[in-house]
Amino acid sequence: MILDGVEWVVSRSRHVQIDREHLLRVATELEPDRLRLPDWQVPVVPSWRDERLVDFFMLFNAINFCYWGHPKWTISYQGQPQDGAFGLMAALTRALDEGYPLLDGAFLARIGEDEFRHIVRGNVAIPLERERWSILRECGPVLVREFCGRWHEVVRRAGGSAVRLVELLVTRFLSWDDAAQFEGRRVAFYKRAQLAAGMLYQAFGGQGWGAFEDFGRLTVYADYKLPQVLRKLGILVYDGELASLVDSQTPIPAGSRMEVEIRAATVWAGEQMRQALLDRIPWITATHIDFWLWETSQRKSPDDLPYHRTLTTAY
């Protein structure tokens, strides 16, 4: 369903094009040893390897979005500065260390705004702080009412299917339903829901809580860092109007034609890369491509182009 929608958007795109020649060139030069998946055994993530880690990653992805700003939100954890997604994981781990029962849906249902503000405290307020708090307040009652108060019960109900897990998240929790309207058609992306499934697969090595038989059906996760890298690689090409907005760091509204075109082209380019690599790397999945692109985005260089700025809870 996601691929059908994004292909439809790409076929009608006015501001973003996919350069097929550059895409094939990058795919040809990409070596299998550069395609790996993380195991998330990092200091900012609890060392558990049971259902508590499932709860942690689901909680994290419930509010895993929008970290950009000036100055950038940063926290200190174990004497080290952390920002972005790693900063949020560190903030949640810090709160668990301090005794906050964040894995309990009943606690999320009643968490106070000041309490949440303390949990994510940093050098400045985290972007969309109130929206994050509201999402936890929304998710808590659903967890209590339908899933015994714990995120891992959602995963259990998925029955070993990543697609079913995504479906449960986007239908039971309004804040996970990441979709847009484009020329009268609903186009789904489900970035956070897919990433939650992907992180569980990675953290558990495809076993136990991460044993998703249909893991390969996930797409790349449409955010703001992947299109930045795809553009730098010459795979995504913006028209003059969009390029000017992105390069000047002018905010692009969530759900606007430009923003939906960027996200759709990102997902479709990821799928085209996967297909181009299949003959040479039969085990390739979109998640391998996603992590390679994301990891590439973390290596800064002077010729980096800006990423598009969109205030959104989707990514």
Protein backbone atom coordinates (compact mmCIF):
# COMPACT_ATOMS: atom_id res chain seq x y z
CA MET A 1 0.00 0.00 0.00
CA ILE A 2 2.81 2.43 0.83
CA LEU A 3 4.69 1.72 -2.40
CA ASP A 4 1.56 2.08 -4.53
CA GLY A 5 0.87 5.47 -3.01
CA VAL A 6 4.38 6.87 -3.30
CA GLU A 7 4.77 5.65 -6.88
CA TRP A 8 1.55 7.46 -7.72
CA VAL A 9 2.88 10.69 -6.16
CA VAL A 10 6.24 10.36 -7.96
CA SER A 11 4.47 9.95 -11.29
CA ARG A 12 2.75 13.32 -10.71
CA SER A 13 5.63 15.13 -9.04
CA ARG A 14 6.31 18.76 -10.02
CA HIS A 15 9.15 19.67 -7.66
CA VAL A 16 11.15 16.46 -7.08
CA GLN A 17 12.55 14.05 -9.65
CA ILE A 18 14.53 10.83 -9.31
CA ASP A 19 17.64 10.67 -11.48
CA ARG A 20 17.64 7.04 -12.56
CA GLU A 21 21.17 7.19 -13.98
CA HIS A 22 22.65 8.43 -10.70
CA LEU A 23 20.62 5.91 -8.74
CA LEU A 24 21.96 2.98 -10.77
CA ARG A 25 25.51 4.31 -10.54
CA VAL A 26 25.30 4.53 -6.74
CA ALA A 27 23.77 1.04 -6.56
CA THR A 28 26.53 -0.37 -8.78
CA GLU A 29 29.25 1.09 -6.56
CA LEU A 30 27.67 0.08 -3.26
CA GLU A 31 29.55 -2.85 -1.73
CA PRO A 32 27.73 -5.46 0.39
CA ASP A 33 30.04 -4.94 3.38
CA ARG A 34 28.78 -1.35 3.66
CA LEU A 35 25.24 -2.60 4.15
CA ARG A 36 24.72 -3.61 7.75
CA LEU A 37 22.15 -3.29 10.48
CA PRO A 38 22.82 -1.96 14.00
CA ASP A 39 22.22 -4.05 17.12
CA TRP A 40 21.49 -0.98 19.29
CA GLN A 41 23.87 -2.10 22.01
CA VAL A 42 24.88 1.49 22.76
CA PRO A 43 25.22 3.40 26.07
CA VAL A 44 22.01 5.41 25.56
CA VAL A 45 19.87 2.25 25.33
CA PRO A 46 19.18 -0.01 28.34
CA SER A 47 21.10 -3.30 28.24
CA TRP A 48 17.95 -5.43 28.60
CA ARG A 49 17.25 -8.13 26.01
CA ASP A 50 13.70 -9.01 27.02
CA GLU A 51 10.22 -7.49 26.73
CA ARG A 52 11.40 -4.34 28.54
CA LEU A 53 13.58 -3.48 25.56
CA VAL A 54 10.53 -3.92 23.32
CA ASP A 55 8.66 -1.46 25.53
CA PHE A 56 11.59 0.95 25.38
CA PHE A 57 11.87 1.05 21.58
CA MET A 58 8.12 1.36 21.15
CA LEU A 59 7.99 4.20 23.68
CA PHE A 60 10.91 5.89 21.96
CA ASN A 61 9.34 5.71 18.51
CA ALA A 62 6.04 7.05 19.81
CA ILE A 63 7.79 10.43 20.24
CA ASN A 64 10.75 10.05 17.88
CA PHE A 65 10.52 13.08 15.60
CA CYS A 66 11.70 16.62 14.85
CA TYR A 67 14.97 17.46 16.59
CA TRP A 68 16.15 20.42 14.54
CA GLY A 69 16.33 23.93 15.91
CA HIS A 70 18.71 26.72 16.92
CA PRO A 71 20.32 26.02 19.26
CA LYS A 72 19.96 22.29 18.89
CA TRP A 73 18.35 20.48 21.82
CA THR A 74 21.09 18.54 23.62
CA ILE A 75 21.27 16.59 26.87
CA SER A 76 24.13 15.23 28.93
CA TYR A 77 24.07 11.53 29.76
CA GLN A 78 26.90 9.77 31.60
CA GLY A 79 29.04 12.84 31.00
CA GLN A 80 28.54 12.82 27.22
CA PRO A 81 26.45 15.25 25.14
CA GLN A 82 23.68 13.60 23.11
CA ASP A 83 21.25 15.13 20.64
CA GLY A 84 18.71 14.03 18.04
CA ALA A 85 17.36 10.50 18.29
CA PHE A 86 20.26 9.41 20.50
CA GLY A 87 19.50 12.34 22.79
CA LEU A 88 15.89 11.23 23.19
CA MET A 89 16.93 7.63 23.87
CA ALA A 90 19.38 8.95 26.46
CA ALA A 91 16.66 11.10 28.06
CA LEU A 92 14.32 8.13 28.35
CA THR A 93 17.08 5.91 29.74
CA ARG A 94 18.01 8.64 32.22
CA ALA A 95 14.39 8.86 33.34
CA LEU A 96 14.20 5.09 33.81
CA ASP A 97 17.41 5.28 35.85
CA GLU A 98 15.70 7.94 37.99
CA GLY A 99 12.75 5.64 38.67
CA TYR A 100 10.10 6.94 36.27
CA PRO A 101 7.85 4.00 35.23
CA LEU A 102 7.83 5.06 31.59
CA LEU A 103 7.15 1.54 30.31
CA ASP A 104 3.78 1.42 32.07
CA GLY A 105 0.81 2.59 30.04
CA ALA A 106 -1.05 3.63 33.19
CA PHE A 107 1.77 6.05 34.03
CA LEU A 108 1.78 7.46 30.48
CA ALA A 109 -1.98 8.04 30.75
CA ARG A 110 -1.49 10.38 33.71
CA ILE A 111 1.97 11.84 33.13
CA GLY A 112 1.98 15.56 33.83
CA GLU A 113 3.32 18.15 31.42
CA ASP A 114 5.87 19.44 33.94
CA GLU A 115 6.89 15.87 34.67
CA PHE A 116 7.49 15.20 30.99
CA ARG A 117 9.38 18.48 30.62
CA HIS A 118 11.73 17.32 33.39
CA ILE A 119 12.26 13.95 31.67
CA VAL A 120 13.40 15.59 28.40
CA ARG A 121 15.26 18.47 30.05
CA GLY A 122 18.27 19.72 28.15
CA ASN A 123 20.03 22.92 27.18
CA VAL A 124 16.79 24.18 25.58
CA ALA A 125 13.25 22.84 25.28
CA ILE A 126 12.97 19.90 22.91
CA PRO A 127 11.08 20.87 19.70
CA LEU A 128 7.34 20.07 19.77
CA GLU A 129 7.61 19.30 23.48
CA ARG A 130 3.89 19.65 24.14
CA GLU A 131 3.02 17.48 21.16
CA ARG A 132 5.28 14.72 22.50
CA TRP A 133 3.64 14.92 25.92
CA SER A 134 0.17 14.82 24.33
CA ILE A 135 1.09 11.72 22.35
CA LEU A 136 2.11 9.86 25.49
CA ARG A 137 -1.14 10.92 27.16
CA GLU A 138 -3.02 9.60 24.11
CA CYS A 139 -1.14 6.29 23.93
CA GLY A 140 -1.37 5.46 27.64
CA PRO A 141 -5.13 4.85 27.82
CA VAL A 142 -5.09 2.77 24.63
CA LEU A 143 -2.33 0.59 26.06
CA VAL A 144 -4.29 0.12 29.28
CA ARG A 145 -7.60 -0.53 27.56
CA GLU A 146 -6.46 -2.82 24.73
CA PHE A 147 -2.93 -4.10 25.43
CA CYS A 148 -2.60 -4.87 29.15
CA GLY A 149 -0.81 -1.56 29.66
CA ARG A 150 2.41 -2.52 27.86
CA TRP A 151 3.83 -1.90 24.40
CA HIS A 152 5.19 -5.42 24.06
CA GLU A 153 1.62 -6.72 24.04
CA VAL A 154 1.07 -4.78 20.80
CA VAL A 155 4.06 -6.61 19.35
CA ARG A 156 2.79 -9.95 20.64
CA ARG A 157 -0.57 -9.35 18.94
CA ALA A 158 1.25 -8.79 15.66
CA GLY A 159 2.13 -12.49 15.64
CA GLY A 160 5.57 -12.24 14.07
CA SER A 161 4.50 -9.87 11.28
CA ALA A 162 6.12 -6.47 10.85
CA VAL A 163 3.29 -5.41 8.55
CA ARG A 164 0.69 -6.41 11.12
CA LEU A 165 2.57 -4.47 13.80
CA VAL A 166 2.51 -1.37 11.61
CA GLU A 167 -1.21 -1.87 11.00
CA LEU A 168 -1.92 -2.20 14.71
CA LEU A 169 0.01 0.96 15.52
CA VAL A 170 -1.57 3.15 12.86
CA THR A 171 -5.12 1.95 13.50
CA ARG A 172 -5.12 1.83 17.31
CA PHE A 173 -3.04 4.96 17.98
CA LEU A 174 -4.07 8.11 16.12
CA SER A 175 -0.65 9.75 16.50
CA TRP A 176 1.07 6.90 14.59
CA ASP A 177 -1.17 7.28 11.51
CA ASP A 178 1.40 8.99 9.28
CA ALA A 179 -0.38 9.71 5.99
CA ALA A 180 -1.05 12.70 3.75
CA GLN A 181 -3.55 13.79 1.13
CA PHE A 182 -2.18 14.33 -2.36
CA GLU A 183 -4.47 15.36 -5.22
CA GLY A 184 -7.40 13.82 -3.39
CA ARG A 185 -5.70 10.51 -2.59
CA ARG A 186 -4.50 9.28 0.79
CA VAL A 187 -0.78 8.47 0.72
CA ALA A 188 0.67 6.52 3.66
CA PHE A 189 4.28 6.68 4.89
CA TYR A 190 4.10 5.21 8.43
CA LYS A 191 7.68 6.23 9.18
CA ARG A 192 7.67 5.80 12.97
CA ALA A 193 5.62 2.61 12.91
CA GLN A 194 7.92 0.99 10.37
CA LEU A 195 11.01 2.17 12.23
CA ALA A 196 9.68 0.63 15.45
CA ALA A 197 9.40 -2.74 13.72
CA GLY A 198 12.82 -2.29 12.13
CA MET A 199 14.53 -1.44 15.42
CA LEU A 200 13.05 -4.50 17.11
CA TYR A 201 14.27 -6.72 14.28
CA GLN A 202 17.73 -5.19 14.57
CA ALA A 203 17.99 -5.22 18.37
CA PHE A 204 16.90 -8.86 18.64
CA GLY A 205 18.81 -10.04 15.59
CA GLY A 206 15.67 -11.22 13.84
CA GLN A 207 14.94 -13.63 16.70
CA GLY A 208 12.47 -13.66 19.57
CA TRP A 209 10.72 -10.31 19.81
CA GLY A 210 12.33 -9.30 16.50
CA ALA A 211 11.35 -12.40 14.51
CA PHE A 212 9.34 -10.78 11.73
CA GLU A 213 8.91 -13.13 8.78
CA ASP A 214 7.88 -10.27 6.49
CA PHE A 215 10.61 -7.83 7.57
CA GLY A 216 11.62 -7.40 3.92
CA ARG A 217 8.28 -5.76 3.13
CA LEU A 218 9.15 -2.60 5.06
CA THR A 219 10.12 0.47 3.04
CA VAL A 220 12.79 3.03 3.87
CA TYR A 221 11.66 5.38 6.60
CA ALA A 222 10.78 8.76 5.10
CA ASP A 223 12.39 11.43 7.27
CA TYR A 224 14.45 14.57 6.65
CA LYS A 225 17.97 13.07 6.66
CA LEU A 226 17.49 10.46 3.92
CA PRO A 227 16.39 12.91 1.22
CA GLN A 228 19.30 15.17 2.19
CA VAL A 229 21.74 12.34 1.38
CA LEU A 230 19.86 11.22 -1.74
CA ARG A 231 20.02 14.78 -3.04
CA LYS A 232 23.74 15.03 -2.32
CA LEU A 233 24.24 11.76 -4.23
CA GLY A 234 22.39 13.24 -7.21
CA ILE A 235 19.52 10.75 -6.91
CA LEU A 236 16.91 13.29 -5.87
CA VAL A 237 16.75 16.47 -7.93
CA TYR A 238 14.75 19.47 -6.68
CA ASP A 239 13.39 22.16 -8.96
CA GLY A 240 14.58 25.74 -8.46
CA GLU A 241 11.70 26.79 -6.21
CA LEU A 242 12.06 23.86 -3.81
CA ALA A 243 15.86 23.97 -3.85
CA SER A 244 15.74 27.63 -2.86
CA LEU A 245 13.44 26.92 0.08
CA VAL A 246 15.49 23.96 1.32
CA ASP A 247 18.85 25.68 0.91
CA SER A 248 17.65 28.81 2.71
CA GLN A 249 16.24 26.58 5.49
CA THR A 250 12.78 28.05 4.99
CA PRO A 251 10.17 25.86 6.71
CA ILE A 252 8.07 23.73 4.36
CA PRO A 253 4.60 22.99 5.78
CA ALA A 254 3.73 19.42 6.73
CA GLY A 255 1.33 17.91 4.21
CA SER A 256 2.17 20.46 1.52
CA ARG A 257 2.73 19.28 -2.04
CA MET A 258 6.48 19.86 -1.79
CA GLU A 259 6.85 17.97 1.47
CA VAL A 260 4.79 15.00 0.27
CA GLU A 261 6.79 14.87 -2.97
CA ILE A 262 10.07 14.81 -1.02
CA ARG A 263 8.91 11.95 1.18
CA ALA A 264 7.38 9.96 -1.66
CA ALA A 265 10.50 10.29 -3.80
CA THR A 266 12.62 9.18 -0.84
CA VAL A 267 10.63 5.99 -0.37
CA TRP A 268 10.43 5.25 -4.10
CA ALA A 269 14.16 5.86 -4.58
CA GLY A 270 14.86 3.44 -1.73
CA GLU A 271 12.70 0.80 -3.41
CA GLN A 272 14.38 1.38 -6.77
CA MET A 273 17.79 0.98 -5.14
CA ARG A 274 16.68 -2.24 -3.49
CA GLN A 275 15.51 -3.65 -6.80
CA ALA A 276 18.72 -2.57 -8.52
CA LEU A 277 20.78 -4.41 -5.89
CA LEU A 278 18.78 -7.65 -5.74
CA ASP A 279 20.71 -9.57 -8.39
CA ARG A 280 24.03 -8.78 -6.73
CA ILE A 281 22.89 -8.81 -3.09
CA PRO A 282 19.89 -11.17 -2.80
CA TRP A 283 19.41 -10.53 0.93
CA ILE A 284 19.09 -6.76 0.55
CA THR A 285 16.11 -5.06 2.21
CA ALA A 286 14.96 -1.46 2.25
CA THR A 287 16.05 -1.29 5.89
CA HIS A 288 19.66 -2.03 4.90
CA ILE A 289 19.51 0.85 2.43
CA ASP A 290 17.81 3.08 4.99
CA PHE A 291 20.52 2.56 7.62
CA TRP A 292 23.31 3.05 5.08
CA LEU A 293 21.76 6.38 4.03
CA TRP A 294 21.14 7.45 7.63
CA GLU A 295 24.66 6.50 8.70
CA THR A 296 26.03 8.42 5.71
CA SER A 297 24.07 11.47 6.87
CA GLN A 298 25.88 11.38 10.22
CA ARG A 299 29.29 11.86 8.58
CA LYS A 300 29.43 15.61 8.08
CA SER A 301 31.35 17.23 5.23
CA PRO A 302 31.75 20.83 3.96
CA ASP A 303 29.70 20.11 0.83
CA ASP A 304 26.63 18.88 2.70
CA LEU A 305 23.36 20.36 1.50
CA PRO A 306 20.72 21.37 4.07
CA TYR A 307 17.82 19.07 4.86
CA HIS A 308 14.27 20.31 4.45
CA ARG A 309 12.73 21.86 7.55
CA THR A 310 9.21 20.68 8.39
CA LEU A 311 7.61 20.90 11.84
CA THR A 312 5.87 17.57 12.13
CA THR A 313 5.28 14.67 14.50
CA ALA A 314 5.73 12.22 11.60
CA TYR A 315 9.56 12.34 11.55
